[in-house]
Amino acid sequence: MLATLSLPEKERQAHAFAAAVALRMAHAGEDADRAATSVQEIQDLAQCNGWPFADAQVEYDSPLNQIMCDKCGWTNGMVCPSAQAAAATTTGVPAGGTTSS
């Protein structure tokens, strides 16, 4: 690992990316293409939010953020509008709101 410190920045980044892909393949069980895509998405998430890579990876891998529907993009952490509407009819509280007293 110390040998990478003397590499030019572009080569160092390529080495770090390849290492992250190899780790992703080993620990997440993804094939090389999926692991490379995941690492790129994690890097993007980290950069957009100003997070370290490890924090972005935790968020990326969270079961709440796994996509349930490829068409609409709903994730496990989102509230289903149908369930929210059903709850409103049984509780008397409008979906997304509260009753006024």
N, C-alpha and C. Protein backbone atom coordinates (compact mmCIF):
# COMPACT_ATOMS: atom_id res chain seq x y z
N MET A 1 0.82 -1.20 0.00
CA MET A 1 0.00 0.00 0.00
C MET A 1 0.86 1.25 0.00
N LEU A 2 1.98 1.24 0.70
CA LEU A 2 2.85 2.42 0.74
C LEU A 2 3.41 2.76 -0.62
N ALA A 3 3.57 1.75 -1.48
CA ALA A 3 4.09 2.00 -2.82
C ALA A 3 3.16 2.90 -3.63
N THR A 4 1.87 2.87 -3.33
CA THR A 4 0.93 3.69 -4.08
C THR A 4 1.07 5.17 -3.75
N LEU A 5 1.67 5.50 -2.61
CA LEU A 5 1.82 6.91 -2.23
C LEU A 5 2.73 7.67 -3.19
N SER A 6 3.65 6.97 -3.83
CA SER A 6 4.57 7.64 -4.75
C SER A 6 4.04 7.68 -6.18
N LEU A 7 2.91 7.08 -6.43
CA LEU A 7 2.33 7.08 -7.78
C LEU A 7 1.71 8.44 -8.09
N PRO A 8 1.66 8.80 -9.38
CA PRO A 8 0.92 10.00 -9.76
C PRO A 8 -0.56 9.85 -9.35
N GLU A 9 -1.23 10.96 -9.12
CA GLU A 9 -2.60 10.96 -8.59
C GLU A 9 -3.54 10.10 -9.42
N LYS A 10 -3.49 10.21 -10.74
CA LYS A 10 -4.41 9.45 -11.59
C LYS A 10 -4.20 7.94 -11.42
N GLU A 11 -2.95 7.51 -11.34
CA GLU A 11 -2.66 6.09 -11.15
C GLU A 11 -3.06 5.64 -9.74
N ARG A 12 -2.84 6.49 -8.77
CA ARG A 12 -3.22 6.17 -7.39
C ARG A 12 -4.73 5.98 -7.28
N GLN A 13 -5.49 6.86 -7.94
CA GLN A 13 -6.95 6.75 -7.93
C GLN A 13 -7.41 5.47 -8.63
N ALA A 14 -6.75 5.13 -9.75
CA ALA A 14 -7.10 3.90 -10.48
C ALA A 14 -6.82 2.67 -9.62
N HIS A 15 -5.71 2.70 -8.89
CA HIS A 15 -5.36 1.59 -8.01
C HIS A 15 -6.39 1.48 -6.87
N ALA A 16 -6.77 2.60 -6.29
CA ALA A 16 -7.76 2.61 -5.20
C ALA A 16 -9.11 2.12 -5.71
N PHE A 17 -9.49 2.51 -6.92
CA PHE A 17 -10.77 2.07 -7.50
C PHE A 17 -10.75 0.55 -7.70
N ALA A 18 -9.65 0.04 -8.26
CA ALA A 18 -9.53 -1.41 -8.49
C ALA A 18 -9.58 -2.18 -7.17
N ALA A 19 -8.95 -1.64 -6.15
CA ALA A 19 -8.98 -2.29 -4.84
C ALA A 19 -10.38 -2.28 -4.25
N ALA A 20 -11.10 -1.17 -4.40
CA ALA A 20 -12.47 -1.07 -3.90
C ALA A 20 -13.38 -2.05 -4.64
N VAL A 21 -13.18 -2.20 -5.94
CA VAL A 21 -13.97 -3.16 -6.72
C VAL A 21 -13.70 -4.58 -6.24
N ALA A 22 -12.42 -4.92 -6.03
CA ALA A 22 -12.07 -6.26 -5.55
C ALA A 22 -12.68 -6.54 -4.18
N LEU A 23 -12.65 -5.56 -3.29
CA LEU A 23 -13.26 -5.72 -1.97
C LEU A 23 -14.78 -5.88 -2.08
N ARG A 24 -15.38 -5.11 -2.97
CA ARG A 24 -16.84 -5.19 -3.17
C ARG A 24 -17.22 -6.58 -3.68
N MET A 25 -16.42 -7.10 -4.60
CA MET A 25 -16.69 -8.44 -5.13
C MET A 25 -16.60 -9.48 -4.02
N ALA A 26 -15.60 -9.35 -3.17
CA ALA A 26 -15.38 -10.33 -2.09
C ALA A 26 -16.44 -10.24 -1.00
N HIS A 27 -16.80 -9.03 -0.62
CA HIS A 27 -17.69 -8.86 0.54
C HIS A 27 -19.16 -8.73 0.19
N ALA A 28 -19.48 -8.21 -0.99
CA ALA A 28 -20.89 -8.08 -1.36
C ALA A 28 -21.33 -9.17 -2.33
N GLY A 29 -20.37 -9.96 -2.81
CA GLY A 29 -20.70 -11.06 -3.71
C GLY A 29 -21.12 -10.61 -5.10
N GLU A 30 -20.71 -9.42 -5.50
CA GLU A 30 -21.07 -8.90 -6.82
C GLU A 30 -20.03 -9.33 -7.85
N ASP A 31 -20.49 -9.47 -9.11
CA ASP A 31 -19.53 -9.76 -10.17
C ASP A 31 -18.75 -8.48 -10.49
N ALA A 32 -17.73 -8.58 -11.31
CA ALA A 32 -16.83 -7.45 -11.57
C ALA A 32 -17.55 -6.22 -12.11
N ASP A 33 -18.46 -6.43 -13.06
CA ASP A 33 -19.18 -5.29 -13.65
C ASP A 33 -20.10 -4.61 -12.63
N ARG A 34 -20.84 -5.41 -11.87
CA ARG A 34 -21.75 -4.85 -10.87
C ARG A 34 -20.96 -4.16 -9.76
N ALA A 35 -19.83 -4.76 -9.36
CA ALA A 35 -19.01 -4.16 -8.31
C ALA A 35 -18.44 -2.82 -8.77
N ALA A 36 -17.99 -2.73 -10.02
CA ALA A 36 -17.46 -1.47 -10.54
C ALA A 36 -18.55 -0.41 -10.58
N THR A 37 -19.77 -0.80 -10.98
CA THR A 37 -20.89 0.14 -10.99
C THR A 37 -21.22 0.59 -9.57
N SER A 38 -21.24 -0.34 -8.63
CA SER A 38 -21.54 0.00 -7.24
C SER A 38 -20.50 0.96 -6.67
N VAL A 39 -19.22 0.68 -6.92
CA VAL A 39 -18.16 1.55 -6.40
C VAL A 39 -18.30 2.95 -6.99
N GLN A 40 -18.62 3.05 -8.28
CA GLN A 40 -18.81 4.37 -8.89
C GLN A 40 -19.99 5.10 -8.26
N GLU A 41 -21.09 4.38 -8.04
CA GLU A 41 -22.27 4.99 -7.42
C GLU A 41 -21.98 5.42 -5.98
N ILE A 42 -21.21 4.62 -5.26
CA ILE A 42 -20.84 4.97 -3.89
C ILE A 42 -19.94 6.20 -3.88
N GLN A 43 -18.99 6.25 -4.81
CA GLN A 43 -18.13 7.44 -4.92
C GLN A 43 -18.95 8.68 -5.21
N ASP A 44 -19.92 8.56 -6.12
CA ASP A 44 -20.78 9.70 -6.45
C ASP A 44 -21.59 10.14 -5.23
N LEU A 45 -22.14 9.18 -4.50
CA LEU A 45 -22.91 9.48 -3.29
C LEU A 45 -22.04 10.19 -2.25
N ALA A 46 -20.81 9.70 -2.08
CA ALA A 46 -19.89 10.31 -1.13
C ALA A 46 -19.56 11.74 -1.54
N GLN A 47 -19.28 11.94 -2.82
CA GLN A 47 -18.90 13.27 -3.30
C GLN A 47 -20.07 14.25 -3.20
N CYS A 48 -21.26 13.82 -3.56
CA CYS A 48 -22.44 14.70 -3.52
C CYS A 48 -22.76 15.16 -2.10
N ASN A 49 -22.50 14.29 -1.12
CA ASN A 49 -22.87 14.60 0.26
C ASN A 49 -21.69 15.01 1.14
N GLY A 50 -20.49 14.99 0.58
CA GLY A 50 -19.31 15.34 1.36
C GLY A 50 -18.98 14.30 2.43
N TRP A 51 -19.32 13.04 2.14
CA TRP A 51 -19.10 11.95 3.09
C TRP A 51 -17.82 11.19 2.75
N PRO A 52 -17.23 10.54 3.74
CA PRO A 52 -16.15 9.59 3.43
C PRO A 52 -16.76 8.39 2.69
N PHE A 53 -15.93 7.69 1.94
CA PHE A 53 -16.40 6.54 1.16
C PHE A 53 -17.10 5.52 2.05
N ALA A 54 -16.54 5.23 3.22
CA ALA A 54 -17.11 4.21 4.12
C ALA A 54 -18.53 4.58 4.55
N ASP A 55 -18.78 5.85 4.84
CA ASP A 55 -20.13 6.29 5.23
C ASP A 55 -21.09 6.17 4.06
N ALA A 56 -20.63 6.53 2.87
CA ALA A 56 -21.48 6.43 1.68
C ALA A 56 -21.80 4.97 1.39
N GLN A 57 -20.85 4.08 1.63
CA GLN A 57 -21.09 2.66 1.39
C GLN A 57 -22.14 2.11 2.35
N VAL A 58 -22.09 2.53 3.59
CA VAL A 58 -23.11 2.10 4.57
C VAL A 58 -24.49 2.55 4.11
N GLU A 59 -24.60 3.79 3.68
CA GLU A 59 -25.88 4.32 3.20
C GLU A 59 -26.34 3.58 1.95
N TYR A 60 -25.41 3.34 1.03
CA TYR A 60 -25.71 2.64 -0.23
C TYR A 60 -26.22 1.22 0.04
N ASP A 61 -25.61 0.55 1.00
CA ASP A 61 -25.96 -0.84 1.29
C ASP A 61 -27.13 -1.00 2.26
N SER A 62 -27.62 0.10 2.82
CA SER A 62 -28.72 0.03 3.78
C SER A 62 -29.95 -0.62 3.12
N PRO A 63 -30.57 -1.58 3.80
CA PRO A 63 -31.78 -2.20 3.26
C PRO A 63 -32.88 -1.18 2.97
N LEU A 64 -32.90 -0.08 3.69
CA LEU A 64 -33.93 0.95 3.45
C LEU A 64 -33.76 1.62 2.10
N ASN A 65 -32.56 1.59 1.54
CA ASN A 65 -32.30 2.25 0.27
C ASN A 65 -32.31 1.31 -0.92
N GLN A 66 -32.66 0.05 -0.71
CA GLN A 66 -32.73 -0.90 -1.81
C GLN A 66 -34.01 -0.64 -2.61
N ILE A 67 -33.87 -0.59 -3.91
CA ILE A 67 -35.00 -0.27 -4.80
C ILE A 67 -35.94 -1.47 -4.90
N MET A 68 -37.21 -1.19 -4.67
CA MET A 68 -38.24 -2.22 -4.77
C MET A 68 -38.83 -2.26 -6.18
N CYS A 69 -38.86 -1.13 -6.86
CA CYS A 69 -39.48 -1.04 -8.18
C CYS A 69 -38.56 -0.28 -9.13
N ASP A 70 -38.11 -0.95 -10.19
CA ASP A 70 -37.23 -0.31 -11.17
C ASP A 70 -37.96 0.73 -12.01
N LYS A 71 -39.29 0.61 -12.11
CA LYS A 71 -40.05 1.58 -12.90
C LYS A 71 -40.16 2.93 -12.20
N CYS A 72 -40.56 2.91 -10.92
CA CYS A 72 -40.83 4.17 -10.23
C CYS A 72 -39.73 4.58 -9.25
N GLY A 73 -38.82 3.66 -8.91
CA GLY A 73 -37.72 3.99 -8.02
C GLY A 73 -38.04 3.94 -6.54
N TRP A 74 -39.18 3.37 -6.16
CA TRP A 74 -39.52 3.26 -4.74
C TRP A 74 -38.50 2.40 -4.03
N THR A 75 -38.15 2.81 -2.82
CA THR A 75 -37.20 2.04 -2.00
C THR A 75 -37.92 1.49 -0.78
N ASN A 76 -37.27 0.56 -0.11
CA ASN A 76 -37.83 -0.05 1.10
C ASN A 76 -38.10 0.97 2.19
N GLY A 77 -37.36 2.07 2.21
CA GLY A 77 -37.51 3.08 3.26
C GLY A 77 -38.62 4.08 3.01
N MET A 78 -39.23 4.03 1.83
CA MET A 78 -40.31 4.98 1.51
C MET A 78 -41.65 4.43 1.98
N VAL A 79 -42.56 5.32 2.29
CA VAL A 79 -43.91 4.92 2.69
C VAL A 79 -44.74 4.76 1.42
N CYS A 80 -45.40 3.63 1.31
CA CYS A 80 -46.25 3.35 0.16
C CYS A 80 -47.47 4.26 0.21
N PRO A 81 -47.79 4.99 -0.87
CA PRO A 81 -48.96 5.87 -0.84
C PRO A 81 -50.26 5.11 -0.61
N SER A 82 -50.36 3.88 -1.11
CA SER A 82 -51.57 3.09 -0.89
C SER A 82 -51.74 2.75 0.58
N ALA A 83 -50.64 2.36 1.23
CA ALA A 83 -50.70 2.03 2.66
C ALA A 83 -50.99 3.28 3.48
N GLN A 84 -50.43 4.41 3.07
CA GLN A 84 -50.65 5.66 3.79
C GLN A 84 -52.12 6.07 3.67
N ALA A 85 -52.71 5.91 2.48
CA ALA A 85 -54.12 6.25 2.28
C ALA A 85 -55.02 5.30 3.08
N ALA A 86 -54.66 4.02 3.11
CA ALA A 86 -55.45 3.04 3.88
C ALA A 86 -55.40 3.37 5.36
N ALA A 87 -54.25 3.77 5.84
CA ALA A 87 -54.11 4.14 7.25
C ALA A 87 -54.96 5.36 7.57
N ALA A 88 -55.05 6.29 6.63
CA ALA A 88 -55.84 7.51 6.86
C ALA A 88 -57.32 7.17 6.98
N THR A 89 -57.79 6.19 6.21
CA THR A 89 -59.21 5.85 6.28
C THR A 89 -59.55 5.11 7.57
N THR A 90 -58.60 4.37 8.11
CA THR A 90 -58.89 3.63 9.35
C THR A 90 -58.66 4.47 10.59
N THR A 91 -57.79 5.49 10.49
CA THR A 91 -57.50 6.31 11.68
C THR A 91 -58.20 7.66 11.65
N GLY A 92 -58.69 8.04 10.49
CA GLY A 92 -59.32 9.35 10.36
C GLY A 92 -58.31 10.48 10.16
N VAL A 93 -57.04 10.14 10.08
CA VAL A 93 -56.00 11.15 9.83
C VAL A 93 -55.69 11.16 8.34
N PRO A 94 -55.80 12.33 7.70
CA PRO A 94 -55.51 12.38 6.26
C PRO A 94 -54.08 11.97 5.98
N ALA A 95 -53.87 11.36 4.81
CA ALA A 95 -52.52 10.96 4.42
C ALA A 95 -51.61 12.16 4.41
N GLY A 96 -50.51 12.06 5.16
CA GLY A 96 -49.54 13.14 5.20
C GLY A 96 -49.95 14.33 6.04
N GLY A 97 -50.99 14.19 6.84
CA GLY A 97 -51.45 15.34 7.62
C GLY A 97 -51.94 14.95 8.99
N THR A 98 -52.42 15.93 9.69
CA THR A 98 -52.97 15.69 11.02
C THR A 98 -54.37 16.29 11.08
N THR A 99 -55.13 15.82 12.02
CA THR A 99 -56.47 16.41 12.20
C THR A 99 -56.35 17.65 13.05
N SER A 100 -57.17 18.62 12.80
CA SER A 100 -57.15 19.82 13.64
C SER A 100 -58.19 19.68 14.74
N SER A 101 -57.89 20.22 15.91
CA SER A 101 -58.82 20.09 17.03
C SER A 101 -59.55 21.37 17.28
